[in-house]
Amino acid sequence: MLRELERLHIDMARDAERGDAHEQAFHNTRFHFLIVRAAGNRALERLWGMLEPFGRTYVTASKPGIDLGWLGARHRDVLEALRDRDPERAAAALRQHAVEAAGLIGDWPDGAVASDGDRQ
């Protein structure tokens, strides 16, 4: 699983370089699915199955001009914690990732992210 997560992280960076939001969304959702599946929680898998189409399309369709490099880089801390086999750090990184995702959905009224990745 870790090798595939690393490959997907690289793919997200390449997608950002090409400006391909659709492919990045595909690789992003695959990254998340692998983590959900590894958790071994059937309820979480069912919930992910219901939410995944929304997550894949929401940012792509409703946040034009979002910094794709920033979106992909948000996964780095999660990946590094998993690579280091540090469950506490992985949990903290995933919580931070969820907080950032909630910010994208909930309190980002103008849909703008600066090119350096800072929210405006």
PDB file of N, CA and C in Angstrom:
ATOM      1  N   MET A   1       0.811  -1.187   0.000  1.00  0.00           N
ATOM      2  CA  MET A   1       0.000   0.000   0.000  1.00  0.00           C
ATOM      3  C   MET A   1       0.863   1.263   0.000  1.00  0.00           C
ATOM      4  N   LEU A   2       1.924   1.263   0.777  1.00  0.00           N
ATOM      5  CA  LEU A   2       2.762   2.459   0.885  1.00  0.00           C
ATOM      6  C   LEU A   2       3.353   2.855  -0.464  1.00  0.00           C
ATOM      7  N   ARG A   3       3.790   1.869  -1.232  1.00  0.00           N
ATOM      8  CA  ARG A   3       4.342   2.188  -2.567  1.00  0.00           C
ATOM      9  C   ARG A   3       3.294   2.845  -3.454  1.00  0.00           C
ATOM     10  N   GLU A   4       2.070   2.338  -3.380  1.00  0.00           N
ATOM     11  CA  GLU A   4       1.025   2.932  -4.209  1.00  0.00           C
ATOM     12  C   GLU A   4       0.696   4.347  -3.733  1.00  0.00           C
ATOM     13  N   LEU A   5       0.680   4.574  -2.429  1.00  0.00           N
ATOM     14  CA  LEU A   5       0.456   5.930  -1.917  1.00  0.00           C
ATOM     15  C   LEU A   5       1.554   6.876  -2.393  1.00  0.00           C
ATOM     16  N   GLU A   6       2.796   6.410  -2.358  1.00  0.00           N
ATOM     17  CA  GLU A   6       3.910   7.239  -2.835  1.00  0.00           C
ATOM     18  C   GLU A   6       3.760   7.548  -4.321  1.00  0.00           C
ATOM     19  N   ARG A   7       3.378   6.543  -5.100  1.00  0.00           N
ATOM     20  CA  ARG A   7       3.178   6.751  -6.536  1.00  0.00           C
ATOM     21  C   ARG A   7       2.047   7.751  -6.779  1.00  0.00           C
ATOM     22  N   LEU A   8       0.961   7.618  -6.035  1.00  0.00           N
ATOM     23  CA  LEU A   8      -0.162   8.539  -6.197  1.00  0.00           C
ATOM     24  C   LEU A   8       0.218   9.966  -5.810  1.00  0.00           C
ATOM     25  N   HIS A   9       1.044  10.112  -4.791  1.00  0.00           N
ATOM     26  CA  HIS A   9       1.503  11.444  -4.387  1.00  0.00           C
ATOM     27  C   HIS A   9       2.327  12.072  -5.511  1.00  0.00           C
ATOM     28  N   ILE A  10       3.190  11.287  -6.124  1.00  0.00           N
ATOM     29  CA  ILE A  10       3.973  11.764  -7.271  1.00  0.00           C
ATOM     30  C   ILE A  10       3.048  12.114  -8.433  1.00  0.00           C
ATOM     31  N   ASP A  11       2.057  11.254  -8.680  1.00  0.00           N
ATOM     32  CA  ASP A  11       1.097  11.518  -9.755  1.00  0.00           C
ATOM     33  C   ASP A  11       0.356  12.836  -9.523  1.00  0.00           C
ATOM     34  N   MET A  12      -0.029  13.100  -8.264  1.00  0.00           N
ATOM     35  CA  MET A  12      -0.725  14.357  -7.968  1.00  0.00           C
ATOM     36  C   MET A  12       0.166  15.558  -8.264  1.00  0.00           C
ATOM     37  N   ALA A  13       1.450  15.450  -7.958  1.00  0.00           N
ATOM     38  CA  ALA A  13       2.382  16.544  -8.252  1.00  0.00           C
ATOM     39  C   ALA A  13       2.510  16.739  -9.760  1.00  0.00           C
ATOM     40  N   ARG A  14       2.591  15.656 -10.496  1.00  0.00           N
ATOM     41  CA  ARG A  14       2.676  15.758 -11.966  1.00  0.00           C
ATOM     42  C   ARG A  14       1.401  16.348 -12.545  1.00  0.00           C
ATOM     43  N   ASP A  15       0.265  15.917 -12.008  1.00  0.00           N
ATOM     44  CA  ASP A  15      -1.007  16.474 -12.469  1.00  0.00           C
ATOM     45  C   ASP A  15      -1.045  17.981 -12.238  1.00  0.00           C
ATOM     46  N   ALA A  16      -0.538  18.416 -11.082  1.00  0.00           N
ATOM     47  CA  ALA A  16      -0.510  19.851 -10.770  1.00  0.00           C
ATOM     48  C   ALA A  16       0.370  20.596 -11.766  1.00  0.00           C
ATOM     49  N   GLU A  17       1.527  20.033 -12.079  1.00  0.00           N
ATOM     50  CA  GLU A  17       2.430  20.674 -13.044  1.00  0.00           C
ATOM     51  C   GLU A  17       1.756  20.839 -14.395  1.00  0.00           C
ATOM     52  N   ARG A  18       0.929  19.872 -14.784  1.00  0.00           N
ATOM     53  CA  ARG A  18       0.225  19.923 -16.064  1.00  0.00           C
ATOM     54  C   ARG A  18      -1.067  20.732 -15.985  1.00  0.00           C
ATOM     55  N   GLY A  19      -1.477  21.081 -14.766  1.00  0.00           N
ATOM     56  CA  GLY A  19      -2.741  21.794 -14.601  1.00  0.00           C
ATOM     57  C   GLY A  19      -3.952  20.915 -14.838  1.00  0.00           C
ATOM     58  N   ASP A  20      -3.806  19.615 -14.604  1.00  0.00           N
ATOM     59  CA  ASP A  20      -4.871  18.648 -14.873  1.00  0.00           C
ATOM     60  C   ASP A  20      -5.638  18.332 -13.584  1.00  0.00           C
ATOM     61  N   ALA A  21      -6.650  19.153 -13.300  1.00  0.00           N
ATOM     62  CA  ALA A  21      -7.430  18.996 -12.070  1.00  0.00           C
ATOM     63  C   ALA A  21      -8.212  17.692 -12.058  1.00  0.00           C
ATOM     64  N   HIS A  22      -8.682  17.249 -13.217  1.00  0.00           N
ATOM     65  CA  HIS A  22      -9.464  16.012 -13.280  1.00  0.00           C
ATOM     66  C   HIS A  22      -8.617  14.810 -12.862  1.00  0.00           C
ATOM     67  N   GLU A  23      -7.437  14.676 -13.431  1.00  0.00           N
ATOM     68  CA  GLU A  23      -6.567  13.545 -13.079  1.00  0.00           C
ATOM     69  C   GLU A  23      -6.099  13.641 -11.632  1.00  0.00           C
ATOM     70  N   GLN A  24      -5.838  14.863 -11.180  1.00  0.00           N
ATOM     71  CA  GLN A  24      -5.412  15.006  -9.792  1.00  0.00           C
ATOM     72  C   GLN A  24      -6.526  14.570  -8.847  1.00  0.00           C
ATOM     73  N   ALA A  25      -7.756  14.919  -9.169  1.00  0.00           N
ATOM     74  CA  ALA A  25      -8.886  14.496  -8.337  1.00  0.00           C
ATOM     75  C   ALA A  25      -8.992  12.974  -8.317  1.00  0.00           C
ATOM     76  N   PHE A  26      -8.763  12.335  -9.456  1.00  0.00           N
ATOM     77  CA  PHE A  26      -8.787  10.870  -9.516  1.00  0.00           C
ATOM     78  C   PHE A  26      -7.702  10.285  -8.611  1.00  0.00           C
ATOM     79  N   HIS A  27      -6.479  10.782  -8.729  1.00  0.00           N
ATOM     80  CA  HIS A  27      -5.376  10.262  -7.911  1.00  0.00           C
ATOM     81  C   HIS A  27      -5.589  10.569  -6.427  1.00  0.00           C
ATOM     82  N   ASN A  28      -6.145  11.730  -6.138  1.00  0.00           N
ATOM     83  CA  ASN A  28      -6.442  12.110  -4.760  1.00  0.00           C
ATOM     84  C   ASN A  28      -7.440  11.134  -4.129  1.00  0.00           C
ATOM     85  N   THR A  29      -8.519  10.839  -4.841  1.00  0.00           N
ATOM     86  CA  THR A  29      -9.519   9.941  -4.267  1.00  0.00           C
ATOM     87  C   THR A  29      -8.980   8.528  -4.120  1.00  0.00           C
ATOM     88  N   ARG A  30      -8.127   8.107  -5.020  1.00  0.00           N
ATOM     89  CA  ARG A  30      -7.502   6.782  -4.881  1.00  0.00           C
ATOM     90  C   ARG A  30      -6.605   6.754  -3.639  1.00  0.00           C
ATOM     91  N   PHE A  31      -5.846   7.814  -3.411  1.00  0.00           N
ATOM     92  CA  PHE A  31      -4.990   7.936  -2.229  1.00  0.00           C
ATOM     93  C   PHE A  31      -5.832   7.767  -0.964  1.00  0.00           C
ATOM     94  N   HIS A  32      -6.938   8.492  -0.911  1.00  0.00           N
ATOM     95  CA  HIS A  32      -7.814   8.423   0.258  1.00  0.00           C
ATOM     96  C   HIS A  32      -8.434   7.040   0.406  1.00  0.00           C
ATOM     97  N   PHE A  33      -8.870   6.453  -0.701  1.00  0.00           N
ATOM     98  CA  PHE A  33      -9.484   5.126  -0.637  1.00  0.00           C
ATOM     99  C   PHE A  33      -8.521   4.102  -0.051  1.00  0.00           C
ATOM    100  N   LEU A  34      -7.267   4.142  -0.445  1.00  0.00           N
ATOM    101  CA  LEU A  34      -6.300   3.174   0.083  1.00  0.00           C
ATOM    102  C   LEU A  34      -6.157   3.299   1.596  1.00  0.00           C
ATOM    103  N   ILE A  35      -6.171   4.514   2.097  1.00  0.00           N
ATOM    104  CA  ILE A  35      -6.077   4.719   3.545  1.00  0.00           C
ATOM    105  C   ILE A  35      -7.347   4.231   4.231  1.00  0.00           C
ATOM    106  N   VAL A  36      -8.492   4.543   3.658  1.00  0.00           N
ATOM    107  CA  VAL A  36      -9.764   4.074   4.221  1.00  0.00           C
ATOM    108  C   VAL A  36      -9.789   2.551   4.256  1.00  0.00           C
ATOM    109  N   ARG A  37      -9.408   1.923   3.169  1.00  0.00           N
ATOM    110  CA  ARG A  37      -9.413   0.455   3.108  1.00  0.00           C
ATOM    111  C   ARG A  37      -8.445  -0.140   4.124  1.00  0.00           C
ATOM    112  N   ALA A  38      -7.273   0.471   4.274  1.00  0.00           N
ATOM    113  CA  ALA A  38      -6.276  -0.044   5.219  1.00  0.00           C
ATOM    114  C   ALA A  38      -6.762   0.047   6.663  1.00  0.00           C
ATOM    115  N   ALA A  39      -7.672   0.975   6.940  1.00  0.00           N
ATOM    116  CA  ALA A  39      -8.200   1.114   8.298  1.00  0.00           C
ATOM    117  C   ALA A  39      -9.005  -0.116   8.713  1.00  0.00           C
ATOM    118  N   GLY A  40      -9.515  -0.851   7.737  1.00  0.00           N
ATOM    119  CA  GLY A  40     -10.264  -2.065   8.045  1.00  0.00           C
ATOM    120  C   GLY A  40     -11.605  -1.808   8.714  1.00  0.00           C
ATOM    121  N   ASN A  41     -12.161  -0.650   8.511  1.00  0.00           N
ATOM    122  CA  ASN A  41     -13.425  -0.269   9.131  1.00  0.00           C
ATOM    123  C   ASN A  41     -14.505  -0.274   8.050  1.00  0.00           C
ATOM    124  N   ARG A  42     -15.379  -1.273   8.096  1.00  0.00           N
ATOM    125  CA  ARG A  42     -16.405  -1.425   7.048  1.00  0.00           C
ATOM    126  C   ARG A  42     -17.355  -0.222   6.996  1.00  0.00           C
ATOM    127  N   ALA A  43     -17.709   0.313   8.154  1.00  0.00           N
ATOM    128  CA  ALA A  43     -18.599   1.479   8.163  1.00  0.00           C
ATOM    129  C   ALA A  43     -17.925   2.669   7.477  1.00  0.00           C
ATOM    130  N   LEU A  44     -16.645   2.857   7.747  1.00  0.00           N
ATOM    131  CA  LEU A  44     -15.898   3.936   7.104  1.00  0.00           C
ATOM    132  C   LEU A  44     -15.827   3.713   5.594  1.00  0.00           C
ATOM    133  N   GLU A  45     -15.631   2.470   5.174  1.00  0.00           N
ATOM    134  CA  GLU A  45     -15.598   2.170   3.739  1.00  0.00           C
ATOM    135  C   GLU A  45     -16.936   2.494   3.084  1.00  0.00           C
ATOM    136  N   ARG A  46     -18.046   2.148   3.747  1.00  0.00           N
ATOM    137  CA  ARG A  46     -19.370   2.461   3.186  1.00  0.00           C
ATOM    138  C   ARG A  46     -19.570   3.974   3.102  1.00  0.00           C
ATOM    139  N   LEU A  47     -19.183   4.676   4.156  1.00  0.00           N
ATOM    140  CA  LEU A  47     -19.304   6.133   4.157  1.00  0.00           C
ATOM    141  C   LEU A  47     -18.465   6.742   3.038  1.00  0.00           C
ATOM    142  N   TRP A  48     -17.229   6.260   2.888  1.00  0.00           N
ATOM    143  CA  TRP A  48     -16.364   6.757   1.813  1.00  0.00           C
ATOM    144  C   TRP A  48     -17.013   6.506   0.453  1.00  0.00           C
ATOM    145  N   GLY A  49     -17.618   5.336   0.285  1.00  0.00           N
ATOM    146  CA  GLY A  49     -18.283   5.022  -0.975  1.00  0.00           C
ATOM    147  C   GLY A  49     -19.389   6.010  -1.319  1.00  0.00           C
ATOM    148  N   MET A  50     -20.059   6.513  -0.285  1.00  0.00           N
ATOM    149  CA  MET A  50     -21.123   7.496  -0.517  1.00  0.00           C
ATOM    150  C   MET A  50     -20.558   8.892  -0.782  1.00  0.00           C
ATOM    151  N   LEU A  51     -19.488   9.246  -0.103  1.00  0.00           N
ATOM    152  CA  LEU A  51     -18.946  10.602  -0.196  1.00  0.00           C
ATOM    153  C   LEU A  51     -17.951  10.805  -1.335  1.00  0.00           C
ATOM    154  N   GLU A  52     -17.319   9.745  -1.777  1.00  0.00           N
ATOM    155  CA  GLU A  52     -16.228   9.861  -2.755  1.00  0.00           C
ATOM    156  C   GLU A  52     -16.611  10.630  -4.014  1.00  0.00           C
ATOM    157  N   PRO A  53     -17.761  10.346  -4.643  1.00  0.00           N
ATOM    158  CA  PRO A  53     -18.058  11.117  -5.866  1.00  0.00           C
ATOM    159  C   PRO A  53     -18.148  12.623  -5.601  1.00  0.00           C
ATOM    160  N   PHE A  54     -18.700  12.996  -4.460  1.00  0.00           N
ATOM    161  CA  PHE A  54     -18.787  14.413  -4.102  1.00  0.00           C
ATOM    162  C   PHE A  54     -17.393  15.007  -3.924  1.00  0.00           C
ATOM    163  N   GLY A  55     -16.552  14.312  -3.178  1.00  0.00           N
ATOM    164  CA  GLY A  55     -15.204  14.813  -2.927  1.00  0.00           C
ATOM    165  C   GLY A  55     -14.387  14.954  -4.191  1.00  0.00           C
ATOM    166  N   ARG A  56     -14.562  14.013  -5.102  1.00  0.00           N
ATOM    167  CA  ARG A  56     -13.782  14.020  -6.339  1.00  0.00           C
ATOM    168  C   ARG A  56     -14.186  15.174  -7.240  1.00  0.00           C
ATOM    169  N   THR A  57     -15.472  15.497  -7.239  1.00  0.00           N
ATOM    170  CA  THR A  57     -15.941  16.518  -8.173  1.00  0.00           C
ATOM    171  C   THR A  57     -16.054  17.908  -7.562  1.00  0.00           C
ATOM    172  N   TYR A  58     -16.221  18.014  -6.249  1.00  0.00           N
ATOM    173  CA  TYR A  58     -16.504  19.314  -5.638  1.00  0.00           C
ATOM    174  C   TYR A  58     -15.391  20.325  -5.883  1.00  0.00           C
ATOM    175  N   VAL A  59     -14.183  19.983  -5.519  1.00  0.00           N
ATOM    176  CA  VAL A  59     -13.080  20.938  -5.659  1.00  0.00           C
ATOM    177  C   VAL A  59     -12.818  21.224  -7.129  1.00  0.00           C
ATOM    178  N   THR A  60     -12.846  20.176  -7.953  1.00  0.00           N
ATOM    179  CA  THR A  60     -12.581  20.348  -9.382  1.00  0.00           C
ATOM    180  C   THR A  60     -13.603  21.272 -10.031  1.00  0.00           C
ATOM    181  N   ALA A  61     -14.882  21.064  -9.716  1.00  0.00           N
ATOM    182  CA  ALA A  61     -15.938  21.817 -10.384  1.00  0.00           C
ATOM    183  C   ALA A  61     -16.212  23.173  -9.751  1.00  0.00           C
ATOM    184  N   SER A  62     -16.080  23.270  -8.446  1.00  0.00           N
ATOM    185  CA  SER A  62     -16.533  24.490  -7.785  1.00  0.00           C
ATOM    186  C   SER A  62     -15.410  25.406  -7.326  1.00  0.00           C
ATOM    187  N   LYS A  63     -14.177  24.991  -7.482  1.00  0.00           N
ATOM    188  CA  LYS A  63     -13.046  25.805  -7.039  1.00  0.00           C
ATOM    189  C   LYS A  63     -12.073  26.052  -8.195  1.00  0.00           C
ATOM    190  N   PRO A  64     -12.552  26.685  -9.279  1.00  0.00           N
ATOM    191  CA  PRO A  64     -11.644  26.933 -10.399  1.00  0.00           C
ATOM    192  C   PRO A  64     -10.482  27.815  -9.967  1.00  0.00           C
ATOM    193  N   GLY A  65      -9.320  27.512 -10.486  1.00  0.00           N
ATOM    194  CA  GLY A  65      -8.138  28.294 -10.172  1.00  0.00           C
ATOM    195  C   GLY A  65      -7.447  27.896  -8.888  1.00  0.00           C
ATOM    196  N   ILE A  66      -7.944  26.858  -8.224  1.00  0.00           N
ATOM    197  CA  ILE A  66      -7.304  26.408  -6.988  1.00  0.00           C
ATOM    198  C   ILE A  66      -5.874  25.971  -7.301  1.00  0.00           C
ATOM    199  N   ASP A  67      -4.987  26.180  -6.373  1.00  0.00           N
ATOM    200  CA  ASP A  67      -3.588  25.809  -6.556  1.00  0.00           C
ATOM    201  C   ASP A  67      -3.450  24.293  -6.425  1.00  0.00           C
ATOM    202  N   LEU A  68      -3.300  23.615  -7.547  1.00  0.00           N
ATOM    203  CA  LEU A  68      -3.222  22.154  -7.551  1.00  0.00           C
ATOM    204  C   LEU A  68      -1.971  21.643  -6.850  1.00  0.00           C
ATOM    205  N   GLY A  69      -0.895  22.406  -6.911  1.00  0.00           N
ATOM    206  CA  GLY A  69       0.322  22.008  -6.199  1.00  0.00           C
ATOM    207  C   GLY A  69       0.085  21.950  -4.698  1.00  0.00           C
ATOM    208  N   TRP A  70      -0.615  22.942  -4.182  1.00  0.00           N
ATOM    209  CA  TRP A  70      -0.956  22.975  -2.761  1.00  0.00           C
ATOM    210  C   TRP A  70      -1.856  21.802  -2.394  1.00  0.00           C
ATOM    211  N   LEU A  71      -2.851  21.521  -3.252  1.00  0.00           N
ATOM    212  CA  LEU A  71      -3.762  20.406  -2.967  1.00  0.00           C
ATOM    213  C   LEU A  71      -3.006  19.089  -2.849  1.00  0.00           C
ATOM    214  N   GLY A  72      -2.107  18.829  -3.772  1.00  0.00           N
ATOM    215  CA  GLY A  72      -1.344  17.582  -3.730  1.00  0.00           C
ATOM    216  C   GLY A  72      -0.372  17.526  -2.574  1.00  0.00           C
ATOM    217  N   ALA A  73       0.268  18.651  -2.292  1.00  0.00           N
ATOM    218  CA  ALA A  73       1.273  18.695  -1.223  1.00  0.00           C
ATOM    219  C   ALA A  73       0.659  18.467   0.150  1.00  0.00           C
ATOM    220  N   ARG A  74      -0.640  18.715   0.285  1.00  0.00           N
ATOM    221  CA  ARG A  74      -1.317  18.509   1.568  1.00  0.00           C
ATOM    222  C   ARG A  74      -1.213  17.062   2.043  1.00  0.00           C
ATOM    223  N   HIS A  75      -0.892  16.138   1.161  1.00  0.00           N
ATOM    224  CA  HIS A  75      -0.821  14.717   1.513  1.00  0.00           C
ATOM    225  C   HIS A  75       0.558  14.299   2.023  1.00  0.00           C
ATOM    226  N   ARG A  76       1.529  15.173   1.899  1.00  0.00           N
ATOM    227  CA  ARG A  76       2.917  14.828   2.233  1.00  0.00           C
ATOM    228  C   ARG A  76       3.075  14.384   3.683  1.00  0.00           C
ATOM    229  N   ASP A  77       2.513  15.141   4.633  1.00  0.00           N
ATOM    230  CA  ASP A  77       2.665  14.798   6.051  1.00  0.00           C
ATOM    231  C   ASP A  77       2.040  13.442   6.375  1.00  0.00           C
ATOM    232  N   VAL A  78       0.903  13.162   5.770  1.00  0.00           N
ATOM    233  CA  VAL A  78       0.251  11.861   5.973  1.00  0.00           C
ATOM    234  C   VAL A  78       1.162  10.753   5.465  1.00  0.00           C
ATOM    235  N   LEU A  79       1.657  10.925   4.260  1.00  0.00           N
ATOM    236  CA  LEU A  79       2.515   9.912   3.652  1.00  0.00           C
ATOM    237  C   LEU A  79       3.789   9.692   4.461  1.00  0.00           C
ATOM    238  N   GLU A  80       4.419  10.763   4.892  1.00  0.00           N
ATOM    239  CA  GLU A  80       5.662  10.627   5.667  1.00  0.00           C
ATOM    240  C   GLU A  80       5.422   9.913   6.993  1.00  0.00           C
ATOM    241  N   ALA A  81       4.323  10.211   7.666  1.00  0.00           N
ATOM    242  CA  ALA A  81       4.019   9.540   8.935  1.00  0.00           C
ATOM    243  C   ALA A  81       3.765   8.055   8.714  1.00  0.00           C
ATOM    244  N   LEU A  82       3.064   7.720   7.640  1.00  0.00           N
ATOM    245  CA  LEU A  82       2.831   6.304   7.332  1.00  0.00           C
ATOM    246  C   LEU A  82       4.142   5.609   6.980  1.00  0.00           C
ATOM    247  N   ARG A  83       4.964   6.282   6.204  1.00  0.00           N
ATOM    248  CA  ARG A  83       6.259   5.715   5.825  1.00  0.00           C
ATOM    249  C   ARG A  83       7.121   5.445   7.060  1.00  0.00           C
ATOM    250  N   ASP A  84       7.045   6.343   8.044  1.00  0.00           N
ATOM    251  CA  ASP A  84       7.820   6.199   9.281  1.00  0.00           C
ATOM    252  C   ASP A  84       7.157   5.267  10.291  1.00  0.00           C
ATOM    253  N   ARG A  85       6.002   4.741   9.933  1.00  0.00           N
ATOM    254  CA  ARG A  85       5.235   3.845  10.821  1.00  0.00           C
ATOM    255  C   ARG A  85       4.975   4.492  12.181  1.00  0.00           C
ATOM    256  N   ASP A  86       4.549   5.743  12.117  1.00  0.00           N
ATOM    257  CA  ASP A  86       4.278   6.529  13.317  1.00  0.00           C
ATOM    258  C   ASP A  86       2.766   6.787  13.392  1.00  0.00           C
ATOM    259  N   PRO A  87       2.026   5.920  14.093  1.00  0.00           N
ATOM    260  CA  PRO A  87       0.565   6.041  14.086  1.00  0.00           C
ATOM    261  C   PRO A  87       0.044   7.338  14.701  1.00  0.00           C
ATOM    262  N   GLU A  88       0.698   7.841  15.732  1.00  0.00           N
ATOM    263  CA  GLU A  88       0.233   9.087  16.343  1.00  0.00           C
ATOM    264  C   GLU A  88       0.400  10.257  15.379  1.00  0.00           C
ATOM    265  N   ARG A  89       1.545  10.315  14.730  1.00  0.00           N
ATOM    266  CA  ARG A  89       1.785  11.390  13.763  1.00  0.00           C
ATOM    267  C   ARG A  89       0.860  11.242  12.551  1.00  0.00           C
ATOM    268  N   ALA A  90       0.616   9.999  12.130  1.00  0.00           N
ATOM    269  CA  ALA A  90      -0.298   9.767  11.010  1.00  0.00           C
ATOM    270  C   ALA A  90      -1.706  10.237  11.368  1.00  0.00           C
ATOM    271  N   ALA A  91      -2.156   9.911  12.578  1.00  0.00           N
ATOM    272  CA  ALA A  91      -3.488  10.342  13.009  1.00  0.00           C
ATOM    273  C   ALA A  91      -3.570  11.864  13.061  1.00  0.00           C
ATOM    274  N   ALA A  92      -2.541  12.505  13.589  1.00  0.00           N
ATOM    275  CA  ALA A  92      -2.528  13.969  13.653  1.00  0.00           C
ATOM    276  C   ALA A  92      -2.528  14.573  12.251  1.00  0.00           C
ATOM    277  N   ALA A  93      -1.751  13.997  11.346  1.00  0.00           N
ATOM    278  CA  ALA A  93      -1.696  14.502   9.969  1.00  0.00           C
ATOM    279  C   ALA A  93      -3.042  14.327   9.275  1.00  0.00           C
ATOM    280  N   LEU A  94      -3.696  13.204   9.516  1.00  0.00           N
ATOM    281  CA  LEU A  94      -5.012  12.973   8.916  1.00  0.00           C
ATOM    282  C   LEU A  94      -6.055  13.931   9.491  1.00  0.00           C
ATOM    283  N   ARG A  95      -5.981  14.198  10.786  1.00  0.00           N
ATOM    284  CA  ARG A  95      -6.906  15.175  11.378  1.00  0.00           C
ATOM    285  C   ARG A  95      -6.698  16.556  10.754  1.00  0.00           C
ATOM    286  N   GLN A  96      -5.440  16.973  10.610  1.00  0.00           N
ATOM    287  CA  GLN A  96      -5.151  18.271   9.993  1.00  0.00           C
ATOM    288  C   GLN A  96      -5.638  18.299   8.550  1.00  0.00           C
ATOM    289  N   HIS A  97      -5.449  17.217   7.852  1.00  0.00           N
ATOM    290  CA  HIS A  97      -5.905  17.102   6.471  1.00  0.00           C
ATOM    291  C   HIS A  97      -7.430  17.268   6.411  1.00  0.00           C
ATOM    292  N   ALA A  98      -8.136  16.653   7.350  1.00  0.00           N
ATOM    293  CA  ALA A  98      -9.595  16.763   7.395  1.00  0.00           C
ATOM    294  C   ALA A  98     -10.032  18.194   7.703  1.00  0.00           C
ATOM    295  N   VAL A  99      -9.326  18.861   8.602  1.00  0.00           N
ATOM    296  CA  VAL A  99      -9.643  20.257   8.931  1.00  0.00           C
ATOM    297  C   VAL A  99      -9.473  21.132   7.691  1.00  0.00           C
ATOM    298  N   GLU A 100      -8.390  20.921   6.954  1.00  0.00           N
ATOM    299  CA  GLU A 100      -8.161  21.699   5.731  1.00  0.00           C
ATOM    300  C   GLU A 100      -9.249  21.422   4.701  1.00  0.00           C
ATOM    301  N   ALA A 101      -9.642  20.154   4.573  1.00  0.00           N
ATOM    302  CA  ALA A 101     -10.696  19.799   3.621  1.00  0.00           C
ATOM    303  C   ALA A 101     -12.015  20.461   4.008  1.00  0.00           C
ATOM    304  N   ALA A 102     -12.320  20.466   5.294  1.00  0.00           N
ATOM    305  CA  ALA A 102     -13.542  21.125   5.755  1.00  0.00           C
ATOM    306  C   ALA A 102     -13.498  22.613   5.428  1.00  0.00           C
ATOM    307  N   GLY A 103     -12.320  23.205   5.534  1.00  0.00           N
ATOM    308  CA  GLY A 103     -12.175  24.609   5.179  1.00  0.00           C
ATOM    309  C   GLY A 103     -12.450  24.857   3.710  1.00  0.00           C
ATOM    310  N   LEU A 104     -12.032  23.931   2.873  1.00  0.00           N
ATOM    311  CA  LEU A 104     -12.302  24.065   1.439  1.00  0.00           C
ATOM    312  C   LEU A 104     -13.797  24.049   1.170  1.00  0.00           C
ATOM    313  N   ILE A 105     -14.500  23.212   1.892  1.00  0.00           N
ATOM    314  CA  ILE A 105     -15.927  23.040   1.647  1.00  0.00           C
ATOM    315  C   ILE A 105     -16.748  24.112   2.346  1.00  0.00           C
ATOM    316  N   GLY A 106     -16.382  24.440   3.584  1.00  0.00           N
ATOM    317  CA  GLY A 106     -17.262  25.254   4.396  1.00  0.00           C
ATOM    318  C   GLY A 106     -17.031  26.737   4.423  1.00  0.00           C
ATOM    319  N   ASP A 107     -15.813  27.178   4.597  1.00  0.00           N
ATOM    320  CA  ASP A 107     -15.619  28.602   4.878  1.00  0.00           C
ATOM    321  C   ASP A 107     -14.751  29.295   3.846  1.00  0.00           C
ATOM    322  N   TRP A 108     -14.882  28.936   2.630  1.00  0.00           N
ATOM    323  CA  TRP A 108     -14.057  29.492   1.569  1.00  0.00           C
ATOM    324  C   TRP A 108     -14.963  30.137   0.537  1.00  0.00           C
ATOM    325  N   PRO A 109     -15.584  31.254   0.891  1.00  0.00           N
ATOM    326  CA  PRO A 109     -16.670  31.788   0.088  1.00  0.00           C
ATOM    327  C   PRO A 109     -16.309  32.203  -1.322  1.00  0.00           C
ATOM    328  N   ASP A 110     -15.124  32.703  -1.554  1.00  0.00           N
ATOM    329  CA  ASP A 110     -14.811  33.171  -2.903  1.00  0.00           C
ATOM    330  C   ASP A 110     -14.076  32.141  -3.731  1.00  0.00           C
ATOM    331  N   GLY A 111     -13.759  30.990  -3.155  1.00  0.00           N
ATOM    332  CA  GLY A 111     -13.091  29.937  -3.900  1.00  0.00           C
ATOM    333  C   GLY A 111     -11.676  30.261  -4.296  1.00  0.00           C
ATOM    334  N   ALA A 112     -11.042  31.215  -3.644  1.00  0.00           N
ATOM    335  CA  ALA A 112      -9.717  31.650  -4.078  1.00  0.00           C
ATOM    336  C   ALA A 112      -8.616  31.098  -3.193  1.00  0.00           C
ATOM    337  N   VAL A 113      -7.598  30.605  -3.833  1.00  0.00           N
ATOM    338  CA  VAL A 113      -6.358  30.228  -3.159  1.00  0.00           C
ATOM    339  C   VAL A 113      -5.243  30.897  -3.928  1.00  0.00           C
ATOM    340  N   ALA A 114      -4.379  31.571  -3.227  1.00  0.00           N
ATOM    341  CA  ALA A 114      -3.262  32.247  -3.881  1.00  0.00           C
ATOM    342  C   ALA A 114      -2.340  31.224  -4.515  1.00  0.00           C
ATOM    343  N   SER A 115      -1.581  31.640  -5.488  1.00  0.00           N
ATOM    344  CA  SER A 115      -0.695  30.720  -6.192  1.00  0.00           C
ATOM    345  C   SER A 115       0.359  30.115  -5.289  1.00  0.00           C
ATOM    346  N   ASP A 116       0.655  30.754  -4.157  1.00  0.00           N
ATOM    347  CA  ASP A 116       1.639  30.182  -3.239  1.00  0.00           C
ATOM    348  C   ASP A 116       0.985  29.218  -2.255  1.00  0.00           C
ATOM    349  N   GLY A 117      -0.312  28.962  -2.429  1.00  0.00           N
ATOM    350  CA  GLY A 117      -1.006  27.991  -1.603  1.00  0.00           C
ATOM    351  C   GLY A 117      -1.679  28.572  -0.382  1.00  0.00           C
ATOM    352  N   ASP A 118      -1.501  29.854  -0.117  1.00  0.00           N
ATOM    353  CA  ASP A 118      -2.162  30.459   1.033  1.00  0.00           C
ATOM    354  C   ASP A 118      -3.607  30.754   0.677  1.00  0.00           C
ATOM    355  N   ARG A 119      -4.483  30.461   1.626  1.00  0.00           N
ATOM    356  CA  ARG A 119      -5.882  30.795   1.400  1.00  0.00           C
ATOM    357  C   ARG A 119      -6.034  32.294   1.479  1.00  0.00           C
ATOM    358  N   GLN A 120      -6.867  32.835   0.617  1.00  0.00           N
ATOM    359  CA  GLN A 120      -7.109  34.283   0.613  1.00  0.00           C
ATOM    360  C   GLN A 120      -8.344  34.599   1.423  1.00  0.00           C
TER     361      GLN A 120
END
